[in-house]
PDB file of N, CA and C in Angstrom:
ATOM      1  N   UNK A   1       0.990  -5.950  11.009  1.00  0.00           N
ATOM      2  CA  UNK A   1       1.402  -4.286  10.052  1.00  0.00           C
ATOM      3  C   UNK A   1      -0.405  -4.432  10.694  1.00  0.00           C
ATOM      4  N   UNK A   2      -0.877  -5.183  10.262  1.00  0.00           N
ATOM      5  CA  UNK A   2      -2.419  -5.035  10.217  1.00  0.00           C
ATOM      6  C   UNK A   2      -3.058  -4.499  11.797  1.00  0.00           C
ATOM      7  N   UNK A   3      -2.641  -4.923  12.760  1.00  0.00           N
ATOM      8  CA  UNK A   3      -2.962  -4.779  14.300  1.00  0.00           C
ATOM      9  C   UNK A   3      -2.591  -3.491  14.440  1.00  0.00           C
ATOM     10  N   UNK A   4      -1.795  -2.662  13.830  1.00  0.00           N
ATOM     11  CA  UNK A   4      -1.285  -1.414  14.648  1.00  0.00           C
ATOM     12  C   UNK A   4      -2.327  -0.304  13.536  1.00  0.00           C
ATOM     13  N   UNK A   5      -2.655  -0.914  12.012  1.00  0.00           N
ATOM     14  CA  UNK A   5      -3.469  -0.074  11.167  1.00  0.00           C
ATOM     15  C   UNK A   5      -4.540  -1.516  10.931  1.00  0.00           C
ATOM     16  N   UNK A   6      -5.531  -0.901  11.247  1.00  0.00           N
ATOM     17  CA  UNK A   6      -7.185  -1.356  10.791  1.00  0.00           C
ATOM     18  C   UNK A   6      -7.394  -1.617   9.172  1.00  0.00           C
ATOM     19  N   UNK A   7      -6.945  -0.360   8.364  1.00  0.00           N
ATOM     20  CA  UNK A   7      -7.586  -0.137   7.002  1.00  0.00           C
ATOM     21  C   UNK A   7      -6.214  -0.822   6.270  1.00  0.00           C
ATOM     22  N   UNK A   8      -5.146  -1.212   6.674  1.00  0.00           N
ATOM     23  CA  UNK A   8      -4.001  -2.097   6.130  1.00  0.00           C
ATOM     24  C   UNK A   8      -4.185  -3.369   5.354  1.00  0.00           C
ATOM     25  N   UNK A   9      -3.862  -3.696   4.465  1.00  0.00           N
ATOM     26  CA  UNK A   9      -3.766  -4.569   3.720  1.00  0.00           C
ATOM     27  C   UNK A   9      -2.888  -5.167   3.337  1.00  0.00           C
ATOM     28  N   UNK A  10      -2.010  -6.245   3.641  1.00  0.00           N
ATOM     29  CA  UNK A  10      -0.763  -6.430   2.885  1.00  0.00           C
ATOM     30  C   UNK A  10      -0.491  -7.376   1.535  1.00  0.00           C
ATOM     31  N   UNK A  11      -0.117  -7.295   0.851  1.00  0.00           N
ATOM     32  CA  UNK A  11       0.291  -7.601  -0.590  1.00  0.00           C
ATOM     33  C   UNK A  11       0.388  -8.965  -0.610  1.00  0.00           C
ATOM     34  N   UNK A  12       0.294  -9.827  -1.323  1.00  0.00           N
ATOM     35  CA  UNK A  12       0.849 -10.652  -1.835  1.00  0.00           C
ATOM     36  C   UNK A  12       2.096 -11.011  -2.362  1.00  0.00           C
ATOM     37  N   UNK A  13       1.959 -12.234  -2.856  1.00  0.00           N
ATOM     38  CA  UNK A  13       3.194 -13.058  -3.707  1.00  0.00           C
ATOM     39  C   UNK A  13       4.457 -12.371  -2.609  1.00  0.00           C
ATOM     40  N   UNK A  14       4.647 -12.597  -1.423  1.00  0.00           N
ATOM     41  CA  UNK A  14       5.929 -12.149  -1.117  1.00  0.00           C
ATOM     42  C   UNK A  14       6.478 -10.953  -0.759  1.00  0.00           C
ATOM     43  N   UNK A  15       5.867  -9.468  -0.836  1.00  0.00           N
ATOM     44  CA  UNK A  15       5.858  -8.687  -1.682  1.00  0.00           C
ATOM     45  C   UNK A  15       6.241  -7.854  -0.469  1.00  0.00           C
ATOM     46  N   UNK A  16       6.860  -6.654   0.094  1.00  0.00           N
ATOM     47  CA  UNK A  16       6.951  -6.251   1.057  1.00  0.00           C
ATOM     48  C   UNK A  16       6.144  -4.556   1.414  1.00  0.00           C
ATOM     49  N   UNK A  17       4.916  -5.042   0.627  1.00  0.00           N
ATOM     50  CA  UNK A  17       3.715  -3.691   0.052  1.00  0.00           C
ATOM     51  C   UNK A  17       2.245  -4.235   1.042  1.00  0.00           C
ATOM     52  N   UNK A  18       2.368  -3.239   1.285  1.00  0.00           N
ATOM     53  CA  UNK A  18       1.167  -2.774   2.202  1.00  0.00           C
ATOM     54  C   UNK A  18       0.458  -1.863   1.199  1.00  0.00           C
ATOM     55  N   UNK A  19      -1.480  -1.755   1.522  1.00  0.00           N
ATOM     56  CA  UNK A  19      -2.005  -0.722   0.771  1.00  0.00           C
ATOM     57  C   UNK A  19      -3.063  -0.471   1.956  1.00  0.00           C
ATOM     58  N   UNK A  20      -3.274   0.966   2.089  1.00  0.00           N
ATOM     59  CA  UNK A  20      -4.121   1.793   2.968  1.00  0.00           C
ATOM     60  C   UNK A  20      -5.187   2.286   2.916  1.00  0.00           C
ATOM     61  N   UNK A  21      -6.540   1.708   3.160  1.00  0.00           N
ATOM     62  CA  UNK A  21      -7.685   2.894   2.742  1.00  0.00           C
ATOM     63  C   UNK A  21      -7.694   3.627   3.489  1.00  0.00           C
ATOM     64  N   UNK A  22      -7.731   4.952   2.248  1.00  0.00           N
ATOM     65  CA  UNK A  22      -7.346   6.308   3.501  1.00  0.00           C
ATOM     66  C   UNK A  22      -9.093   7.554   2.936  1.00  0.00           C
ATOM     67  N   UNK A  23      -9.247   8.093   3.762  1.00  0.00           N
ATOM     68  CA  UNK A  23     -10.593   8.899   3.454  1.00  0.00           C
ATOM     69  C   UNK A  23     -11.899   8.187   3.348  1.00  0.00           C
ATOM     70  N   UNK A  24     -12.052   7.040   4.365  1.00  0.00           N
ATOM     71  CA  UNK A  24     -13.269   6.141   4.302  1.00  0.00           C
ATOM     72  C   UNK A  24     -13.304   5.882   3.045  1.00  0.00           C
ATOM     73  N   UNK A  25     -12.462   5.221   2.777  1.00  0.00           N
ATOM     74  CA  UNK A  25     -12.353   4.174   1.502  1.00  0.00           C
ATOM     75  C   UNK A  25     -12.271   4.972   0.054  1.00  0.00           C
ATOM     76  N   UNK A  26     -12.482   6.301   0.545  1.00  0.00           N
ATOM     77  CA  UNK A  26     -12.152   7.233  -1.354  1.00  0.00           C
ATOM     78  C   UNK A  26     -10.704   7.435  -1.755  1.00  0.00           C
ATOM     79  N   UNK A  27      -9.413   7.022  -1.250  1.00  0.00           N
ATOM     80  CA  UNK A  27      -8.110   6.813  -1.804  1.00  0.00           C
ATOM     81  C   UNK A  27      -7.476   5.536  -1.222  1.00  0.00           C
ATOM     82  N   UNK A  28      -6.378   5.357  -1.856  1.00  0.00           N
ATOM     83  CA  UNK A  28      -5.552   4.695  -1.618  1.00  0.00           C
ATOM     84  C   UNK A  28      -4.329   4.683  -1.757  1.00  0.00           C
ATOM     85  N   UNK A  29      -3.102   4.192  -1.177  1.00  0.00           N
ATOM     86  CA  UNK A  29      -2.333   4.301  -1.037  1.00  0.00           C
ATOM     87  C   UNK A  29      -1.442   3.100  -0.839  1.00  0.00           C
ATOM     88  N   UNK A  30      -0.068   3.098  -1.264  1.00  0.00           N
ATOM     89  CA  UNK A  30       0.498   1.202  -1.649  1.00  0.00           C
ATOM     90  C   UNK A  30       1.979   2.227  -1.430  1.00  0.00           C
ATOM     91  N   UNK A  31       2.693   1.159  -0.180  1.00  0.00           N
ATOM     92  CA  UNK A  31       3.684   1.349   0.450  1.00  0.00           C
ATOM     93  C   UNK A  31       4.584   0.320   0.515  1.00  0.00           C
ATOM     94  N   UNK A  32       5.785   0.648   0.898  1.00  0.00           N
ATOM     95  CA  UNK A  32       6.204  -0.859   1.318  1.00  0.00           C
ATOM     96  C   UNK A  32       7.265  -0.444   2.192  1.00  0.00           C
ATOM     97  N   UNK A  33       7.334  -1.140   2.750  1.00  0.00           N
ATOM     98  CA  UNK A  33       8.073  -0.983   4.395  1.00  0.00           C
ATOM     99  C   UNK A  33       9.147  -1.692   4.805  1.00  0.00           C
ATOM    100  N   UNK A  34       9.481  -1.351   5.595  1.00  0.00           N
ATOM    101  CA  UNK A  34      10.978  -2.076   6.239  1.00  0.00           C
ATOM    102  C   UNK A  34      10.927  -2.245   7.731  1.00  0.00           C
ATOM    103  N   UNK A  35      11.222  -3.804   8.373  1.00  0.00           N
ATOM    104  CA  UNK A  35      11.194  -3.594   9.936  1.00  0.00           C
ATOM    105  C   UNK A  35      12.434  -3.020  10.257  1.00  0.00           C
ATOM    106  N   UNK A  36      12.742  -2.225  11.269  1.00  0.00           N
ATOM    107  CA  UNK A  36      13.820  -2.027  12.317  1.00  0.00           C
ATOM    108  C   UNK A  36      14.250  -2.311  13.571  1.00  0.00           C
ATOM    109  N   UNK A  37      14.516  -2.212  14.266  1.00  0.00           N
ATOM    110  CA  UNK A  37      15.144  -3.477  15.140  1.00  0.00           C
ATOM    111  C   UNK A  37      13.772  -2.552  15.913  1.00  0.00           C
ATOM    112  N   UNK A  38      12.756  -1.527  16.481  1.00  0.00           N
ATOM    113  CA  UNK A  38      11.768  -1.152  17.097  1.00  0.00           C
ATOM    114  C   UNK A  38      10.937  -0.745  16.765  1.00  0.00           C
ATOM    115  N   UNK A  39      10.891  -0.266  15.276  1.00  0.00           N
ATOM    116  CA  UNK A  39      10.293   0.575  14.683  1.00  0.00           C
ATOM    117  C   UNK A  39       9.888   0.089  12.682  1.00  0.00           C
ATOM    118  N   UNK A  40       8.987   0.495  12.408  1.00  0.00           N
ATOM    119  CA  UNK A  40       8.367  -0.076  10.891  1.00  0.00           C
ATOM    120  C   UNK A  40       8.881   1.284  10.221  1.00  0.00           C
ATOM    121  N   UNK A  41       9.488   1.106   9.226  1.00  0.00           N
ATOM    122  CA  UNK A  41       9.614   2.188   7.969  1.00  0.00           C
ATOM    123  C   UNK A  41       8.787   2.473   7.005  1.00  0.00           C
ATOM    124  N   UNK A  42       7.989   3.315   6.707  1.00  0.00           N
ATOM    125  CA  UNK A  42       6.928   2.912   5.492  1.00  0.00           C
ATOM    126  C   UNK A  42       8.042   4.353   4.629  1.00  0.00           C
ATOM    127  N   UNK A  43       7.489   3.292   3.227  1.00  0.00           N
ATOM    128  CA  UNK A  43       7.767   4.182   1.947  1.00  0.00           C
ATOM    129  C   UNK A  43       7.031   4.389   1.598  1.00  0.00           C
ATOM    130  N   UNK A  44       5.936   5.331   0.760  1.00  0.00           N
ATOM    131  CA  UNK A  44       5.099   5.869  -0.108  1.00  0.00           C
ATOM    132  C   UNK A  44       5.402   5.912  -1.470  1.00  0.00           C
ATOM    133  N   UNK A  45       5.147   4.281  -2.195  1.00  0.00           N
ATOM    134  CA  UNK A  45       4.893   4.198  -3.963  1.00  0.00           C
ATOM    135  C   UNK A  45       3.747   4.915  -4.452  1.00  0.00           C
ATOM    136  N   UNK A  46       2.650   5.568  -4.033  1.00  0.00           N
ATOM    137  CA  UNK A  46       1.911   5.230  -4.587  1.00  0.00           C
ATOM    138  C   UNK A  46       0.140   5.603  -4.307  1.00  0.00           C
ATOM    139  N   UNK A  47      -0.319   7.258  -4.957  1.00  0.00           N
ATOM    140  CA  UNK A  47      -1.188   7.648  -3.867  1.00  0.00           C
ATOM    141  C   UNK A  47      -2.445   7.916  -5.082  1.00  0.00           C
ATOM    142  N   UNK A  48      -3.891   7.177  -4.683  1.00  0.00           N
ATOM    143  CA  UNK A  48      -4.654   8.226  -5.787  1.00  0.00           C
ATOM    144  C   UNK A  48      -5.987   7.469  -5.419  1.00  0.00           C
ATOM    145  N   UNK A  49      -6.809   7.792  -6.126  1.00  0.00           N
ATOM    146  CA  UNK A  49      -8.577   7.363  -5.989  1.00  0.00           C
ATOM    147  C   UNK A  49      -8.529   6.499  -5.762  1.00  0.00           C
ATOM    148  N   UNK A  50      -9.898   5.432  -5.449  1.00  0.00           N
ATOM    149  CA  UNK A  50     -10.169   3.758  -5.362  1.00  0.00           C
ATOM    150  C   UNK A  50     -10.425   3.881  -6.965  1.00  0.00           C
ATOM    151  N   UNK A  51     -10.635   4.377  -7.724  1.00  0.00           N
ATOM    152  CA  UNK A  51     -10.838   3.983  -9.221  1.00  0.00           C
ATOM    153  C   UNK A  51      -9.712   3.982  -9.662  1.00  0.00           C
ATOM    154  N   UNK A  52      -8.981   4.991  -9.476  1.00  0.00           N
ATOM    155  CA  UNK A  52      -7.001   4.476  -9.910  1.00  0.00           C
ATOM    156  C   UNK A  52      -6.425   3.806  -9.548  1.00  0.00           C
ATOM    157  N   UNK A  53      -6.853   3.294  -7.980  1.00  0.00           N
ATOM    158  CA  UNK A  53      -5.839   2.131  -7.802  1.00  0.00           C
ATOM    159  C   UNK A  53      -6.798   0.437  -8.260  1.00  0.00           C
ATOM    160  N   UNK A  54      -7.748   0.533  -8.767  1.00  0.00           N
ATOM    161  CA  UNK A  54      -8.537  -0.722  -9.344  1.00  0.00           C
ATOM    162  C   UNK A  54      -7.769  -0.878 -10.893  1.00  0.00           C
ATOM    163  N   UNK A  55      -7.596   0.515 -11.209  1.00  0.00           N
ATOM    164  CA  UNK A  55      -6.880   0.485 -12.638  1.00  0.00           C
ATOM    165  C   UNK A  55      -5.625  -0.124 -12.557  1.00  0.00           C
ATOM    166  N   UNK A  56      -4.375   0.409 -11.519  1.00  0.00           N
ATOM    167  CA  UNK A  56      -3.454  -0.127 -10.789  1.00  0.00           C
ATOM    168  C   UNK A  56      -3.460  -1.757 -11.134  1.00  0.00           C
ATOM    169  N   UNK A  57      -4.341  -2.625 -10.144  1.00  0.00           N
ATOM    170  CA  UNK A  57      -4.904  -3.523 -10.004  1.00  0.00           C
ATOM    171  C   UNK A  57      -5.424  -4.651 -10.988  1.00  0.00           C
ATOM    172  N   UNK A  58      -5.637  -3.984 -12.020  1.00  0.00           N
ATOM    173  CA  UNK A  58      -6.395  -4.616 -13.069  1.00  0.00           C
ATOM    174  C   UNK A  58      -5.342  -4.960 -14.375  1.00  0.00           C
ATOM    175  N   UNK A  59      -3.970  -4.009 -14.064  1.00  0.00           N
ATOM    176  CA  UNK A  59      -2.858  -3.632 -14.686  1.00  0.00           C
ATOM    177  C   UNK A  59      -1.600  -5.113 -14.352  1.00  0.00           C
ATOM    178  N   UNK A  60      -2.044  -5.470 -12.932  1.00  0.00           N
ATOM    179  CA  UNK A  60      -1.225  -6.068 -11.903  1.00  0.00           C
ATOM    180  C   UNK A  60      -0.273  -5.439 -11.768  1.00  0.00           C
ATOM    181  N   UNK A  61      -0.357  -3.677 -11.935  1.00  0.00           N
ATOM    182  CA  UNK A  61       0.776  -2.760 -11.142  1.00  0.00           C
ATOM    183  C   UNK A  61       1.301  -2.353  -9.874  1.00  0.00           C
ATOM    184  N   UNK A  62       0.403  -2.904  -9.116  1.00  0.00           N
ATOM    185  CA  UNK A  62       0.907  -2.632  -7.662  1.00  0.00           C
ATOM    186  C   UNK A  62       2.224  -3.046  -7.187  1.00  0.00           C
ATOM    187  N   UNK A  63       2.523  -3.875  -7.623  1.00  0.00           N
ATOM    188  CA  UNK A  63       3.735  -4.488  -6.775  1.00  0.00           C
ATOM    189  C   UNK A  63       5.323  -3.728  -7.649  1.00  0.00           C
ATOM    190  N   UNK A  64       4.917  -3.408  -8.837  1.00  0.00           N
ATOM    191  CA  UNK A  64       5.733  -2.244  -9.507  1.00  0.00           C
ATOM    192  C   UNK A  64       5.871  -1.006  -9.916  1.00  0.00           C
ATOM    193  N   UNK A  65       4.501  -0.489  -9.018  1.00  0.00           N
ATOM    194  CA  UNK A  65       4.693   1.279  -9.421  1.00  0.00           C
ATOM    195  C   UNK A  65       5.696   1.948  -7.780  1.00  0.00           C
ATOM    196  N   UNK A  66       6.653   3.009  -8.435  1.00  0.00           N
ATOM    197  CA  UNK A  66       7.334   3.919  -7.346  1.00  0.00           C
ATOM    198  C   UNK A  66       7.000   4.801  -7.694  1.00  0.00           C
ATOM    199  N   UNK A  67       6.027   5.698  -7.272  1.00  0.00           N
ATOM    200  CA  UNK A  67       5.893   7.462  -8.391  1.00  0.00           C
ATOM    201  C   UNK A  67       6.597   8.090  -7.636  1.00  0.00           C
ATOM    202  N   UNK A  68       6.994   7.890  -6.155  1.00  0.00           N
ATOM    203  CA  UNK A  68       6.810   9.133  -5.673  1.00  0.00           C
ATOM    204  C   UNK A  68       8.292   8.774  -4.167  1.00  0.00           C
TER     205      UNK A  68
END
C-alpha cells in the first residue's frame, strides 16, 4: 500500500485502515481496504482537515469512524 501511495500511513492494532495525507497535508482521509485477486478496494470512512484528524486521534476514534 505504501509503495503505491507515498502519502499513506497504515493504522496499527491489526486494523485494515489507512490514512492518506491530502492537499499538502492540509486534509486527511481514513479508508478501510480489502485486497482482491488483482486489485485493492478502498472504502472512505472519514474525510476532514488535519486539525479535525488530530481531535479524532486524541479520542482514539480512528479505528471506529464510519461516517461515509
